Amino acid sequence: MTTITHHVPDALLAAYAAGSLPQPFALAVAAHISLCLDCRATYEAHLASGGAVLETSSAEVVSAGLKANVLDLLDAPIDSKPVYQRSGVYPGPVMEALNGKPPRWKSLGLGVRQSILSDGTDGSVRLLYIPPGRAVPDHSHSGLELTLVLQGSFSDETGRFGVGDLEVADQAVEHTPVADAGAPCICLAATDAPLRFNSLLPRLLQPLFRI
């Protein structure tokens, strides 16, 4: 397995274990966990801690109506969803978001492509394909951005990120990610707010590219 040096912060792992992460970030964290033994172990420890808390918590009295509704839900048939395995460079959680199909790439120019997996009120998540030597325009952030490398690598002002590495960028980070030499860089990028580009052209194209 590839050596991973940039991991999910513990607070995000705890939120993921609690089920409170927005869907775009949950997908990025799930994909990283599928690649990273260290973060998978920490995630499972958070799950165990949460279970221990539930077991030691005092019981709460609920209404008969609420109890009946919960029991009805437990008896309801479960819609089975296909379980997707890793395919090529795409981990199982990404294949699930793709419904088991290859990405539908759309050009952003200069060989850079994207495939939007979801885009809603809680944020967006997309795959990015960046040829060697190409850069994402210089930008900062209005919120949080998680970028997981699935193929190749990229470098920016904060360091180098290879396969399995997760970059966490917030409002304090301004950077210009550049794909390194070698294989094209394929990343999974999740955001909860639009990026803040410094150049005019990327800002003009931003509504069209929904990034």
C-alpha atoms as a PDB file:
ATOM      1  CA  MET A   1       0.000   0.000   0.000  1.00  0.00           C
ATOM      2  CA  THR A   2       1.216   3.518  -0.834  1.00  0.00           C
ATOM      3  CA  THR A   3       2.840   5.457   2.004  1.00  0.00           C
ATOM      4  CA  ILE A   4       0.402   8.148   3.122  1.00  0.00           C
ATOM      5  CA  THR A   5       1.743  11.170   4.985  1.00  0.00           C
ATOM      6  CA  HIS A   6      -1.237  13.578   4.977  1.00  0.00           C
ATOM      7  CA  HIS A   7      -4.167  12.249   6.994  1.00  0.00           C
ATOM      8  CA  VAL A   8      -7.700  13.207   8.040  1.00  0.00           C
ATOM      9  CA  PRO A   9      -7.679  15.497  11.112  1.00  0.00           C
ATOM     10  CA  ASP A  10      -9.044  13.755  14.187  1.00  0.00           C
ATOM     11  CA  ALA A  11     -11.972  16.169  14.513  1.00  0.00           C
ATOM     12  CA  LEU A  12     -13.160  15.273  11.009  1.00  0.00           C
ATOM     13  CA  LEU A  13     -12.788  11.550  11.721  1.00  0.00           C
ATOM     14  CA  ALA A  14     -14.861  11.931  14.886  1.00  0.00           C
ATOM     15  CA  ALA A  15     -17.557  13.850  12.998  1.00  0.00           C
ATOM     16  CA  TYR A  16     -17.574  11.196  10.266  1.00  0.00           C
ATOM     17  CA  ALA A  17     -17.950   8.431  12.865  1.00  0.00           C
ATOM     18  CA  ALA A  18     -20.842  10.368  14.427  1.00  0.00           C
ATOM     19  CA  GLY A  19     -22.522  10.757  11.031  1.00  0.00           C
ATOM     20  CA  SER A  20     -22.480  14.545  11.209  1.00  0.00           C
ATOM     21  CA  LEU A  21     -20.215  15.379   8.242  1.00  0.00           C
ATOM     22  CA  PRO A  22     -21.879  16.890   5.151  1.00  0.00           C
ATOM     23  CA  GLN A  23     -22.081  14.416   2.276  1.00  0.00           C
ATOM     24  CA  PRO A  24     -19.239  15.900   0.156  1.00  0.00           C
ATOM     25  CA  PHE A  25     -16.772  15.725   3.061  1.00  0.00           C
ATOM     26  CA  ALA A  26     -18.089  12.337   4.171  1.00  0.00           C
ATOM     27  CA  LEU A  27     -17.295  10.947   0.712  1.00  0.00           C
ATOM     28  CA  ALA A  28     -13.744  12.341   0.789  1.00  0.00           C
ATOM     29  CA  VAL A  29     -13.136  10.935   4.284  1.00  0.00           C
ATOM     30  CA  ALA A  30     -14.649   7.544   3.369  1.00  0.00           C
ATOM     31  CA  ALA A  31     -12.435   7.323   0.291  1.00  0.00           C
ATOM     32  CA  HIS A  32      -9.338   8.213   2.330  1.00  0.00           C
ATOM     33  CA  ILE A  33     -10.193   5.665   5.033  1.00  0.00           C
ATOM     34  CA  SER A  34     -10.491   2.989   2.353  1.00  0.00           C
ATOM     35  CA  LEU A  35      -6.856   3.712   1.412  1.00  0.00           C
ATOM     36  CA  CYS A  36      -5.312   4.500   4.816  1.00  0.00           C
ATOM     37  CA  LEU A  37      -4.878   1.843   7.513  1.00  0.00           C
ATOM     38  CA  ASP A  38      -3.956   4.433  10.176  1.00  0.00           C
ATOM     39  CA  CYS A  39      -7.075   6.560   9.702  1.00  0.00           C
ATOM     40  CA  ARG A  40      -9.239   3.440   9.418  1.00  0.00           C
ATOM     41  CA  ALA A  41      -8.003   2.314  12.836  1.00  0.00           C
ATOM     42  CA  THR A  42      -8.670   5.741  14.342  1.00  0.00           C
ATOM     43  CA  TYR A  43     -12.142   5.810  12.804  1.00  0.00           C
ATOM     44  CA  GLU A  44     -12.944   2.385  14.265  1.00  0.00           C
ATOM     45  CA  ALA A  45     -11.715   3.614  17.658  1.00  0.00           C
ATOM     46  CA  HIS A  46     -14.150   6.540  17.434  1.00  0.00           C
ATOM     47  CA  LEU A  47     -16.957   4.098  16.599  1.00  0.00           C
ATOM     48  CA  ALA A  48     -16.051   1.974  19.622  1.00  0.00           C
ATOM     49  CA  SER A  49     -15.956   5.053  21.870  1.00  0.00           C
ATOM     50  CA  GLY A  50     -19.378   6.148  20.629  1.00  0.00           C
ATOM     51  CA  GLY A  51     -20.788   2.692  21.329  1.00  0.00           C
ATOM     52  CA  ALA A  52     -19.359   2.747  24.849  1.00  0.00           C
ATOM     53  CA  VAL A  53     -20.976   6.129  25.502  1.00  0.00           C
ATOM     54  CA  LEU A  54     -24.371   4.812  24.367  1.00  0.00           C
ATOM     55  CA  GLU A  55     -24.070   1.765  26.605  1.00  0.00           C
ATOM     56  CA  THR A  56     -23.351   3.874  29.693  1.00  0.00           C
ATOM     57  CA  SER A  57     -25.916   6.615  28.979  1.00  0.00           C
ATOM     58  CA  SER A  58     -29.073   6.733  31.051  1.00  0.00           C
ATOM     59  CA  ALA A  59     -32.310   5.682  29.368  1.00  0.00           C
ATOM     60  CA  GLU A  60     -34.788   8.321  28.212  1.00  0.00           C
ATOM     61  CA  VAL A  61     -38.537   7.852  28.411  1.00  0.00           C
ATOM     62  CA  VAL A  62     -40.225   8.219  25.012  1.00  0.00           C
ATOM     63  CA  SER A  63     -43.860   8.389  24.017  1.00  0.00           C
ATOM     64  CA  ALA A  64     -45.734   5.261  22.931  1.00  0.00           C
ATOM     65  CA  GLY A  65     -46.248   6.839  19.503  1.00  0.00           C
ATOM     66  CA  LEU A  66     -42.530   7.419  18.973  1.00  0.00           C
ATOM     67  CA  LYS A  67     -41.713   3.879  20.100  1.00  0.00           C
ATOM     68  CA  ALA A  68     -44.292   2.449  17.678  1.00  0.00           C
ATOM     69  CA  ASN A  69     -42.913   4.547  14.804  1.00  0.00           C
ATOM     70  CA  VAL A  70     -39.374   3.319  15.471  1.00  0.00           C
ATOM     71  CA  LEU A  71     -40.512  -0.299  15.596  1.00  0.00           C
ATOM     72  CA  ASP A  72     -42.400   0.163  12.327  1.00  0.00           C
ATOM     73  CA  LEU A  73     -39.254   1.524  10.692  1.00  0.00           C
ATOM     74  CA  LEU A  74     -37.260  -1.450  11.938  1.00  0.00           C
ATOM     75  CA  ASP A  75     -39.836  -3.810  10.410  1.00  0.00           C
ATOM     76  CA  ALA A  76     -39.892  -1.986   7.070  1.00  0.00           C
ATOM     77  CA  PRO A  77     -38.132  -3.709   4.150  1.00  0.00           C
ATOM     78  CA  ILE A  78     -34.593  -2.515   3.526  1.00  0.00           C
ATOM     79  CA  ASP A  79     -33.733  -1.279   0.053  1.00  0.00           C
ATOM     80  CA  SER A  80     -30.584  -3.155  -0.888  1.00  0.00           C
ATOM     81  CA  LYS A  81     -27.881  -0.997  -2.482  1.00  0.00           C
ATOM     82  CA  PRO A  82     -25.096  -2.442  -4.603  1.00  0.00           C
ATOM     83  CA  VAL A  83     -21.729  -2.637  -2.904  1.00  0.00           C
ATOM     84  CA  TYR A  84     -19.035  -1.285  -5.189  1.00  0.00           C
ATOM     85  CA  GLN A  85     -15.424  -2.375  -5.041  1.00  0.00           C
ATOM     86  CA  ARG A  86     -12.355  -0.404  -6.042  1.00  0.00           C
ATOM     87  CA  SER A  87     -12.024  -0.022  -9.816  1.00  0.00           C
ATOM     88  CA  GLY A  88      -8.727   1.226 -11.209  1.00  0.00           C
ATOM     89  CA  VAL A  89      -7.693   4.307  -9.241  1.00  0.00           C
ATOM     90  CA  TYR A  90     -11.200   4.853  -7.829  1.00  0.00           C
ATOM     91  CA  PRO A  91     -11.882   3.524  -4.291  1.00  0.00           C
ATOM     92  CA  GLY A  92     -15.161   1.823  -3.455  1.00  0.00           C
ATOM     93  CA  PRO A  93     -16.843   4.968  -2.006  1.00  0.00           C
ATOM     94  CA  VAL A  94     -16.031   6.881  -5.192  1.00  0.00           C
ATOM     95  CA  MET A  95     -17.366   4.048  -7.350  1.00  0.00           C
ATOM     96  CA  GLU A  96     -20.567   4.185  -5.300  1.00  0.00           C
ATOM     97  CA  ALA A  97     -20.874   7.922  -6.034  1.00  0.00           C
ATOM     98  CA  LEU A  98     -20.290   7.099  -9.717  1.00  0.00           C
ATOM     99  CA  ASN A  99     -22.970   4.361  -9.584  1.00  0.00           C
ATOM    100  CA  GLY A 100     -20.347   1.923 -10.798  1.00  0.00           C
ATOM    101  CA  LYS A 101     -19.771   3.806 -14.055  1.00  0.00           C
ATOM    102  CA  PRO A 102     -16.672   5.617 -15.385  1.00  0.00           C
ATOM    103  CA  PRO A 103     -16.455   9.376 -14.715  1.00  0.00           C
ATOM    104  CA  ARG A 104     -18.138  11.681 -17.235  1.00  0.00           C
ATOM    105  CA  TRP A 105     -15.330  14.146 -17.840  1.00  0.00           C
ATOM    106  CA  LYS A 106     -15.914  17.724 -19.000  1.00  0.00           C
ATOM    107  CA  SER A 107     -13.098  19.963 -20.173  1.00  0.00           C
ATOM    108  CA  LEU A 108     -12.006  22.976 -18.139  1.00  0.00           C
ATOM    109  CA  GLY A 109      -9.338  23.915 -20.710  1.00  0.00           C
ATOM    110  CA  LEU A 110      -5.616  23.214 -21.158  1.00  0.00           C
ATOM    111  CA  GLY A 111      -6.195  19.495 -20.678  1.00  0.00           C
ATOM    112  CA  VAL A 112      -7.775  19.868 -17.232  1.00  0.00           C
ATOM    113  CA  ARG A 113     -11.062  18.010 -16.808  1.00  0.00           C
ATOM    114  CA  GLN A 114     -13.664  17.555 -14.098  1.00  0.00           C
ATOM    115  CA  SER A 115     -16.530  15.203 -13.302  1.00  0.00           C
ATOM    116  CA  ILE A 116     -19.034  16.591 -10.781  1.00  0.00           C
ATOM    117  CA  LEU A 117     -20.335  13.840  -8.502  1.00  0.00           C
ATOM    118  CA  SER A 118     -22.737  16.012  -6.499  1.00  0.00           C
ATOM    119  CA  ASP A 119     -23.511  19.695  -6.121  1.00  0.00           C
ATOM    120  CA  GLY A 120     -26.050  20.894  -3.564  1.00  0.00           C
ATOM    121  CA  THR A 121     -26.727  23.121  -0.591  1.00  0.00           C
ATOM    122  CA  ASP A 122     -24.256  21.210   1.613  1.00  0.00           C
ATOM    123  CA  GLY A 123     -21.407  21.630  -0.883  1.00  0.00           C
ATOM    124  CA  SER A 124     -19.975  19.903  -3.923  1.00  0.00           C
ATOM    125  CA  VAL A 125     -17.661  17.023  -4.683  1.00  0.00           C
ATOM    126  CA  ARG A 126     -15.927  16.389  -7.995  1.00  0.00           C
ATOM    127  CA  LEU A 127     -13.137  14.470  -9.650  1.00  0.00           C
ATOM    128  CA  LEU A 128     -10.359  16.537 -11.212  1.00  0.00           C
ATOM    129  CA  TYR A 129      -7.972  15.333 -13.940  1.00  0.00           C
ATOM    130  CA  ILE A 130      -4.853  17.521 -14.204  1.00  0.00           C
ATOM    131  CA  PRO A 131      -2.073  16.790 -16.728  1.00  0.00           C
ATOM    132  CA  PRO A 132       1.545  16.903 -15.503  1.00  0.00           C
ATOM    133  CA  GLY A 133       2.804  20.448 -15.096  1.00  0.00           C
ATOM    134  CA  ARG A 134      -0.666  22.014 -15.196  1.00  0.00           C
ATOM    135  CA  ALA A 135      -1.840  24.148 -12.294  1.00  0.00           C
ATOM    136  CA  VAL A 136      -5.146  24.924 -10.655  1.00  0.00           C
ATOM    137  CA  PRO A 137      -5.333  28.759 -10.713  1.00  0.00           C
ATOM    138  CA  ASP A 138      -4.171  30.534  -7.571  1.00  0.00           C
ATOM    139  CA  HIS A 139      -7.051  30.630  -5.089  1.00  0.00           C
ATOM    140  CA  SER A 140      -8.095  30.878  -1.463  1.00  0.00           C
ATOM    141  CA  HIS A 141     -11.222  29.517   0.208  1.00  0.00           C
ATOM    142  CA  SER A 142     -14.563  30.752   1.487  1.00  0.00           C
ATOM    143  CA  GLY A 143     -14.945  27.559   3.514  1.00  0.00           C
ATOM    144  CA  LEU A 144     -13.288  24.152   3.739  1.00  0.00           C
ATOM    145  CA  GLU A 145     -11.762  22.151   0.886  1.00  0.00           C
ATOM    146  CA  LEU A 146     -10.683  18.491   1.135  1.00  0.00           C
ATOM    147  CA  THR A 147      -8.580  17.160  -1.741  1.00  0.00           C
ATOM    148  CA  LEU A 148      -7.734  13.446  -1.932  1.00  0.00           C
ATOM    149  CA  VAL A 149      -5.159  12.247  -4.475  1.00  0.00           C
ATOM    150  CA  LEU A 150      -6.194   9.070  -6.339  1.00  0.00           C
ATOM    151  CA  GLN A 151      -3.467   9.021  -9.031  1.00  0.00           C
ATOM    152  CA  GLY A 152      -0.221  10.900  -9.555  1.00  0.00           C
ATOM    153  CA  SER A 153       0.625  13.759  -7.228  1.00  0.00           C
ATOM    154  CA  PHE A 154       0.540  17.530  -6.889  1.00  0.00           C
ATOM    155  CA  SER A 155       2.544  20.134  -5.016  1.00  0.00           C
ATOM    156  CA  ASP A 156       1.665  23.551  -3.646  1.00  0.00           C
ATOM    157  CA  GLU A 157       2.803  26.031  -1.027  1.00  0.00           C
ATOM    158  CA  THR A 158       1.996  23.572   1.786  1.00  0.00           C
ATOM    159  CA  GLY A 159       3.854  20.512   0.454  1.00  0.00           C
ATOM    160  CA  ARG A 160       3.611  17.502  -1.854  1.00  0.00           C
ATOM    161  CA  PHE A 161       0.581  15.212  -1.939  1.00  0.00           C
ATOM    162  CA  GLY A 162       0.699  11.698  -3.401  1.00  0.00           C
ATOM    163  CA  VAL A 163      -1.798   8.862  -3.740  1.00  0.00           C
ATOM    164  CA  GLY A 164      -3.951   8.578  -0.616  1.00  0.00           C
ATOM    165  CA  ASP A 165      -2.852  11.930   0.799  1.00  0.00           C
ATOM    166  CA  LEU A 166      -5.583  14.339   1.883  1.00  0.00           C
ATOM    167  CA  GLU A 167      -5.025  18.094   1.771  1.00  0.00           C
ATOM    168  CA  VAL A 168      -7.195  20.120   4.151  1.00  0.00           C
ATOM    169  CA  ALA A 169      -7.435  23.784   3.130  1.00  0.00           C
ATOM    170  CA  ASP A 170      -9.475  26.477   4.884  1.00  0.00           C
ATOM    171  CA  GLN A 171      -9.819  30.256   4.735  1.00  0.00           C
ATOM    172  CA  ALA A 172      -6.222  30.671   5.909  1.00  0.00           C
ATOM    173  CA  VAL A 173      -4.776  28.779   2.913  1.00  0.00           C
ATOM    174  CA  GLU A 174      -3.995  30.432  -0.420  1.00  0.00           C
ATOM    175  CA  HIS A 175      -2.291  28.126  -2.901  1.00  0.00           C
ATOM    176  CA  THR A 176      -1.599  27.157  -6.513  1.00  0.00           C
ATOM    177  CA  PRO A 177      -1.649  23.343  -6.784  1.00  0.00           C
ATOM    178  CA  VAL A 178       0.516  22.047  -9.666  1.00  0.00           C
ATOM    179  CA  ALA A 179       0.408  18.446 -10.937  1.00  0.00           C
ATOM    180  CA  ASP A 180       3.841  16.853 -10.661  1.00  0.00           C
ATOM    181  CA  ALA A 181       5.703  15.084 -13.468  1.00  0.00           C
ATOM    182  CA  GLY A 182       4.615  11.540 -14.228  1.00  0.00           C
ATOM    183  CA  ALA A 183       1.056  10.256 -14.412  1.00  0.00           C
ATOM    184  CA  PRO A 184      -1.769  12.804 -14.679  1.00  0.00           C
ATOM    185  CA  CYS A 185      -3.038  13.807 -11.250  1.00  0.00           C
ATOM    186  CA  ILE A 186      -6.575  12.618 -10.468  1.00  0.00           C
ATOM    187  CA  CYS A 187      -8.079  14.073  -7.303  1.00  0.00           C
ATOM    188  CA  LEU A 188     -11.343  13.962  -5.419  1.00  0.00           C
ATOM    189  CA  ALA A 189     -12.144  17.515  -4.252  1.00  0.00           C
ATOM    190  CA  ALA A 190     -14.923  18.366  -1.780  1.00  0.00           C
ATOM    191  CA  THR A 191     -15.919  21.929  -0.838  1.00  0.00           C
ATOM    192  CA  ASP A 192     -18.685  23.577   1.174  1.00  0.00           C
ATOM    193  CA  ALA A 193     -18.325  26.998  -0.462  1.00  0.00           C
ATOM    194  CA  PRO A 194     -17.061  28.370  -3.807  1.00  0.00           C
ATOM    195  CA  LEU A 195     -13.329  28.867  -4.225  1.00  0.00           C
ATOM    196  CA  ARG A 196     -11.968  32.428  -4.266  1.00  0.00           C
ATOM    197  CA  PHE A 197      -9.854  32.811  -7.409  1.00  0.00           C
ATOM    198  CA  ASN A 198      -7.400  35.672  -7.580  1.00  0.00           C
ATOM    199  CA  SER A 199      -7.311  36.073 -11.377  1.00  0.00           C
ATOM    200  CA  LEU A 200     -10.118  37.585 -13.438  1.00  0.00           C
ATOM    201  CA  LEU A 201     -10.577  34.808 -16.025  1.00  0.00           C
ATOM    202  CA  PRO A 202     -11.134  31.976 -13.507  1.00  0.00           C
ATOM    203  CA  ARG A 203     -13.628  34.196 -11.676  1.00  0.00           C
ATOM    204  CA  LEU A 204     -15.547  34.845 -14.912  1.00  0.00           C
ATOM    205  CA  LEU A 205     -15.650  31.119 -15.729  1.00  0.00           C
ATOM    206  CA  GLN A 206     -16.465  30.031 -12.186  1.00  0.00           C
ATOM    207  CA  PRO A 207     -20.287  30.011 -12.567  1.00  0.00           C
ATOM    208  CA  LEU A 208     -19.979  27.898 -15.715  1.00  0.00           C
ATOM    209  CA  PHE A 209     -17.637  25.353 -14.115  1.00  0.00           C
ATOM    210  CA  ARG A 210     -19.540  25.361 -10.769  1.00  0.00           C
ATOM    211  CA  ILE A 211     -16.361  25.294  -8.695  1.00  0.00           C
END
